[in-house]
Amino acid sequence: MLFDFESDSELDQFEWKCHTLFSLSDEHVTHGKHSLKLSLFPPGYAGLHSLTERRNWRAFRNFCFDVYNAERESLMLSVRIDDEKAYPDYKDRYNQGFHIGPGMNQVCIPIDSMATSGTQRKIDAGNIYRFLIFTMPAKEILLYLDNIRLIP
């Protein structure tokens, strides 16, 4: 388990950015008693940015999370994973968009499929520094995240 949003202290592990408001919620929970409510605002990128304490993902097959889209329409949610401490350019990190329909969705990414956007270099699963889950909202949107996990 990377994050299941059961306490306020978990929120301290995320970098707070403009265009994003976080709070714990008891709605749309898939694990435990709480989820993370994300209010996302335009313009620009909005979402979740975490430096990960668990940097070695080699023993795991999948990186997964649950997301509830409270909007009536689908949206594109992006996942970025960095295997370098410095913030790498787009072409030197894992980037993938996922179609998120209204209601509950589960995103699972096979770790062995993670490659950089430019050279298609395999991401070093033993050296994960951060992950981001974000979008570029055209209007205010509401999402709920829960159960961010690594699956063996």
C-alpha atoms as a PDB file:
ATOM      1  CA  MET A   1       0.000   0.000   0.000  1.00  0.00           C
ATOM      2  CA  LEU A   2       1.411   3.360  -0.974  1.00  0.00           C
ATOM      3  CA  PHE A   3      -1.548   5.533   0.093  1.00  0.00           C
ATOM      4  CA  ASP A   4      -5.017   4.739   1.404  1.00  0.00           C
ATOM      5  CA  PHE A   5      -5.803   8.187   2.838  1.00  0.00           C
ATOM      6  CA  GLU A   6      -6.728   7.153   6.350  1.00  0.00           C
ATOM      7  CA  SER A   7      -5.126  10.136   8.127  1.00  0.00           C
ATOM      8  CA  ASP A   8      -4.278  13.790   7.594  1.00  0.00           C
ATOM      9  CA  SER A   9      -0.590  12.937   8.010  1.00  0.00           C
ATOM     10  CA  GLU A  10      -0.666  11.177   4.620  1.00  0.00           C
ATOM     11  CA  LEU A  11      -1.528  14.499   2.983  1.00  0.00           C
ATOM     12  CA  ASP A  12       1.846  15.869   4.133  1.00  0.00           C
ATOM     13  CA  GLN A  13       3.531  13.458   1.702  1.00  0.00           C
ATOM     14  CA  PHE A  14       2.133  15.335  -1.302  1.00  0.00           C
ATOM     15  CA  GLU A  15       3.417  18.552  -2.791  1.00  0.00           C
ATOM     16  CA  TRP A  16       0.704  21.183  -2.725  1.00  0.00           C
ATOM     17  CA  LYS A  17       0.308  22.952  -6.063  1.00  0.00           C
ATOM     18  CA  CYS A  18      -1.926  25.669  -7.441  1.00  0.00           C
ATOM     19  CA  HIS A  19      -5.173  24.503  -9.067  1.00  0.00           C
ATOM     20  CA  THR A  20      -5.613  21.559  -6.648  1.00  0.00           C
ATOM     21  CA  LEU A  21      -7.386  21.280  -3.294  1.00  0.00           C
ATOM     22  CA  PHE A  22      -7.143  18.055  -1.223  1.00  0.00           C
ATOM     23  CA  SER A  23      -9.234  16.753   1.641  1.00  0.00           C
ATOM     24  CA  LEU A  24     -10.075  13.396   3.197  1.00  0.00           C
ATOM     25  CA  SER A  25     -13.557  12.138   2.413  1.00  0.00           C
ATOM     26  CA  ASP A  26     -15.818   9.264   3.406  1.00  0.00           C
ATOM     27  CA  GLU A  27     -17.286   9.149  -0.113  1.00  0.00           C
ATOM     28  CA  HIS A  28     -16.287   6.715  -2.894  1.00  0.00           C
ATOM     29  CA  VAL A  29     -13.986   4.723  -0.617  1.00  0.00           C
ATOM     30  CA  THR A  30     -12.482   1.479  -1.957  1.00  0.00           C
ATOM     31  CA  HIS A  31     -10.110   0.695   0.936  1.00  0.00           C
ATOM     32  CA  GLY A  32     -10.393   1.646   4.607  1.00  0.00           C
ATOM     33  CA  LYS A  33     -12.698   4.470   5.722  1.00  0.00           C
ATOM     34  CA  HIS A  34     -11.512   7.431   3.628  1.00  0.00           C
ATOM     35  CA  SER A  35     -10.638   8.500   0.116  1.00  0.00           C
ATOM     36  CA  LEU A  36      -8.868  11.615  -1.131  1.00  0.00           C
ATOM     37  CA  LYS A  37     -11.197  14.266  -2.526  1.00  0.00           C
ATOM     38  CA  LEU A  38      -9.498  16.348  -5.236  1.00  0.00           C
ATOM     39  CA  SER A  39     -11.040  19.589  -6.437  1.00  0.00           C
ATOM     40  CA  LEU A  40      -9.168  20.530  -9.626  1.00  0.00           C
ATOM     41  CA  PHE A  41      -9.279  23.970 -11.234  1.00  0.00           C
ATOM     42  CA  PRO A  42      -8.182  25.447 -14.585  1.00  0.00           C
ATOM     43  CA  PRO A  43      -5.966  26.660 -16.106  1.00  0.00           C
ATOM     44  CA  GLY A  44      -2.936  24.407 -16.236  1.00  0.00           C
ATOM     45  CA  TYR A  45      -2.022  21.082 -14.688  1.00  0.00           C
ATOM     46  CA  ALA A  46      -3.869  19.980 -11.555  1.00  0.00           C
ATOM     47  CA  GLY A  47      -3.575  16.795  -9.528  1.00  0.00           C
ATOM     48  CA  LEU A  48      -1.472  14.759  -7.157  1.00  0.00           C
ATOM     49  CA  HIS A  49       2.330  14.953  -6.900  1.00  0.00           C
ATOM     50  CA  SER A  50       4.132  12.590  -4.525  1.00  0.00           C
ATOM     51  CA  LEU A  51       7.733  11.859  -3.728  1.00  0.00           C
ATOM     52  CA  THR A  52       7.668   8.175  -2.878  1.00  0.00           C
ATOM     53  CA  GLU A  53       9.355   6.694   0.175  1.00  0.00           C
ATOM     54  CA  ARG A  54       9.160   3.215  -1.356  1.00  0.00           C
ATOM     55  CA  ARG A  55      11.588   3.646  -4.227  1.00  0.00           C
ATOM     56  CA  ASN A  56      12.198   0.002  -5.148  1.00  0.00           C
ATOM     57  CA  TRP A  57       9.233  -1.375  -7.111  1.00  0.00           C
ATOM     58  CA  ARG A  58      11.084  -4.385  -8.593  1.00  0.00           C
ATOM     59  CA  ALA A  59       9.209  -6.958  -6.487  1.00  0.00           C
ATOM     60  CA  PHE A  60       5.855  -5.760  -7.851  1.00  0.00           C
ATOM     61  CA  ARG A  61       3.974  -6.401 -11.094  1.00  0.00           C
ATOM     62  CA  ASN A  62       1.499  -3.498 -11.123  1.00  0.00           C
ATOM     63  CA  PHE A  63       1.022   0.074  -9.927  1.00  0.00           C
ATOM     64  CA  CYS A  64      -2.711   0.601  -9.360  1.00  0.00           C
ATOM     65  CA  PHE A  65      -5.161   3.129  -7.997  1.00  0.00           C
ATOM     66  CA  ASP A  66      -8.911   3.682  -7.858  1.00  0.00           C
ATOM     67  CA  VAL A  67     -10.422   6.932  -9.097  1.00  0.00           C
ATOM     68  CA  TYR A  68     -14.021   8.086  -8.952  1.00  0.00           C
ATOM     69  CA  ASN A  69     -14.945  10.671 -11.578  1.00  0.00           C
ATOM     70  CA  ALA A  70     -17.814  12.752 -10.169  1.00  0.00           C
ATOM     71  CA  GLU A  71     -18.349  14.484 -13.528  1.00  0.00           C
ATOM     72  CA  ARG A  72     -20.933  13.528 -16.165  1.00  0.00           C
ATOM     73  CA  GLU A  73     -18.354  13.301 -18.921  1.00  0.00           C
ATOM     74  CA  SER A  74     -15.168  11.312 -19.353  1.00  0.00           C
ATOM     75  CA  LEU A  75     -11.773  12.900 -18.911  1.00  0.00           C
ATOM     76  CA  MET A  76      -8.142  12.132 -19.659  1.00  0.00           C
ATOM     77  CA  LEU A  77      -6.054  11.486 -16.553  1.00  0.00           C
ATOM     78  CA  SER A  78      -2.276  11.349 -16.931  1.00  0.00           C
ATOM     79  CA  VAL A  79       0.223   9.348 -14.909  1.00  0.00           C
ATOM     80  CA  ARG A  80       3.879  10.367 -14.775  1.00  0.00           C
ATOM     81  CA  ILE A  81       6.591   8.291 -13.081  1.00  0.00           C
ATOM     82  CA  ASP A  82      10.185   9.486 -12.669  1.00  0.00           C
ATOM     83  CA  ASP A  83      13.170   7.191 -12.112  1.00  0.00           C
ATOM     84  CA  GLU A  84      15.592  10.105 -11.765  1.00  0.00           C
ATOM     85  CA  LYS A  85      15.941  12.436  -8.773  1.00  0.00           C
ATOM     86  CA  ALA A  86      16.147  15.555 -10.957  1.00  0.00           C
ATOM     87  CA  TYR A  87      12.933  16.374 -12.755  1.00  0.00           C
ATOM     88  CA  PRO A  88      13.501  14.684 -16.150  1.00  0.00           C
ATOM     89  CA  ASP A  89      12.206  16.060 -19.452  1.00  0.00           C
ATOM     90  CA  TYR A  90       9.029  14.588 -20.936  1.00  0.00           C
ATOM     91  CA  LYS A  91      10.999  12.220 -23.193  1.00  0.00           C
ATOM     92  CA  ASP A  92      13.005  10.838 -20.218  1.00  0.00           C
ATOM     93  CA  ARG A  93      10.134   9.737 -17.956  1.00  0.00           C
ATOM     94  CA  TYR A  94       7.079   7.476 -18.053  1.00  0.00           C
ATOM     95  CA  ASN A  95       3.967   9.343 -19.251  1.00  0.00           C
ATOM     96  CA  GLN A  96       0.628   7.780 -20.057  1.00  0.00           C
ATOM     97  CA  GLY A  97      -2.932   9.047 -20.406  1.00  0.00           C
ATOM     98  CA  PHE A  98      -5.946   7.061 -19.238  1.00  0.00           C
ATOM     99  CA  HIS A  99      -9.578   7.490 -20.235  1.00  0.00           C
ATOM    100  CA  ILE A 100     -11.596   7.925 -17.021  1.00  0.00           C
ATOM    101  CA  GLY A 101     -15.343   7.529 -17.418  1.00  0.00           C
ATOM    102  CA  PRO A 102     -17.973   8.859 -15.015  1.00  0.00           C
ATOM    103  CA  GLY A 103     -18.156   6.874 -11.786  1.00  0.00           C
ATOM    104  CA  MET A 104     -15.624   4.400 -10.408  1.00  0.00           C
ATOM    105  CA  ASN A 105     -12.542   3.465 -12.429  1.00  0.00           C
ATOM    106  CA  GLN A 106      -9.455   1.390 -11.659  1.00  0.00           C
ATOM    107  CA  VAL A 107      -6.119   2.133 -13.285  1.00  0.00           C
ATOM    108  CA  CYS A 108      -3.476  -0.625 -13.254  1.00  0.00           C
ATOM    109  CA  ILE A 109      -0.151  -0.192 -15.003  1.00  0.00           C
ATOM    110  CA  PRO A 110       2.158  -3.188 -15.459  1.00  0.00           C
ATOM    111  CA  ILE A 111       5.516  -2.071 -14.081  1.00  0.00           C
ATOM    112  CA  ASP A 112       7.450  -4.009 -16.711  1.00  0.00           C
ATOM    113  CA  SER A 113       5.636  -2.017 -19.433  1.00  0.00           C
ATOM    114  CA  MET A 114       6.789   1.358 -18.092  1.00  0.00           C
ATOM    115  CA  ALA A 115       9.118   3.034 -20.563  1.00  0.00           C
ATOM    116  CA  THR A 116      10.160   6.615 -21.258  1.00  0.00           C
ATOM    117  CA  SER A 117       8.156   8.604 -23.782  1.00  0.00           C
ATOM    118  CA  GLY A 118      11.143   9.456 -25.979  1.00  0.00           C
ATOM    119  CA  THR A 119      13.625   6.604 -26.294  1.00  0.00           C
ATOM    120  CA  GLN A 120      11.336   3.877 -24.894  1.00  0.00           C
ATOM    121  CA  ARG A 121      13.993   3.114 -22.262  1.00  0.00           C
ATOM    122  CA  LYS A 122      12.572   0.834 -19.568  1.00  0.00           C
ATOM    123  CA  ILE A 123      11.963   2.714 -16.336  1.00  0.00           C
ATOM    124  CA  ASP A 124      14.319   1.584 -13.548  1.00  0.00           C
ATOM    125  CA  ALA A 125      11.777   0.001 -11.180  1.00  0.00           C
ATOM    126  CA  GLY A 126      14.399  -0.078  -8.418  1.00  0.00           C
ATOM    127  CA  ASN A 127      14.776   3.672  -8.457  1.00  0.00           C
ATOM    128  CA  ILE A 128      11.344   5.374  -8.449  1.00  0.00           C
ATOM    129  CA  TYR A 129      11.483   8.931  -7.110  1.00  0.00           C
ATOM    130  CA  ARG A 130       8.020  10.316  -7.699  1.00  0.00           C
ATOM    131  CA  PHE A 131       4.679   9.780  -9.359  1.00  0.00           C
ATOM    132  CA  LEU A 132       2.086  12.287 -10.491  1.00  0.00           C
ATOM    133  CA  ILE A 133      -1.584  11.748 -11.288  1.00  0.00           C
ATOM    134  CA  PHE A 134      -2.993  14.819 -13.032  1.00  0.00           C
ATOM    135  CA  THR A 135      -5.139  16.414 -15.709  1.00  0.00           C
ATOM    136  CA  MET A 136      -5.605  19.789 -17.407  1.00  0.00           C
ATOM    137  CA  PRO A 137      -9.183  20.690 -16.476  1.00  0.00           C
ATOM    138  CA  ALA A 138     -11.134  23.043 -18.728  1.00  0.00           C
ATOM    139  CA  LYS A 139     -13.517  23.675 -15.817  1.00  0.00           C
ATOM    140  CA  GLU A 140     -13.576  22.796 -12.120  1.00  0.00           C
ATOM    141  CA  ILE A 141     -13.767  19.023 -11.701  1.00  0.00           C
ATOM    142  CA  LEU A 142     -14.094  16.692  -8.741  1.00  0.00           C
ATOM    143  CA  LEU A 143     -12.263  13.360  -8.402  1.00  0.00           C
ATOM    144  CA  TYR A 144     -11.797  10.904  -5.541  1.00  0.00           C
ATOM    145  CA  LEU A 145      -8.643   8.782  -5.316  1.00  0.00           C
ATOM    146  CA  ASP A 146      -8.118   5.761  -3.107  1.00  0.00           C
ATOM    147  CA  ASN A 147      -6.057   2.643  -2.664  1.00  0.00           C
ATOM    148  CA  ILE A 148      -2.850   3.701  -4.437  1.00  0.00           C
ATOM    149  CA  ARG A 149      -0.880   0.476  -4.329  1.00  0.00           C
ATOM    150  CA  LEU A 150       1.757  -1.829  -5.719  1.00  0.00           C
ATOM    151  CA  ILE A 151       0.597  -5.371  -6.490  1.00  0.00           C
ATOM    152  CA  PRO A 152       3.033  -8.333  -6.373  1.00  0.00           C
END
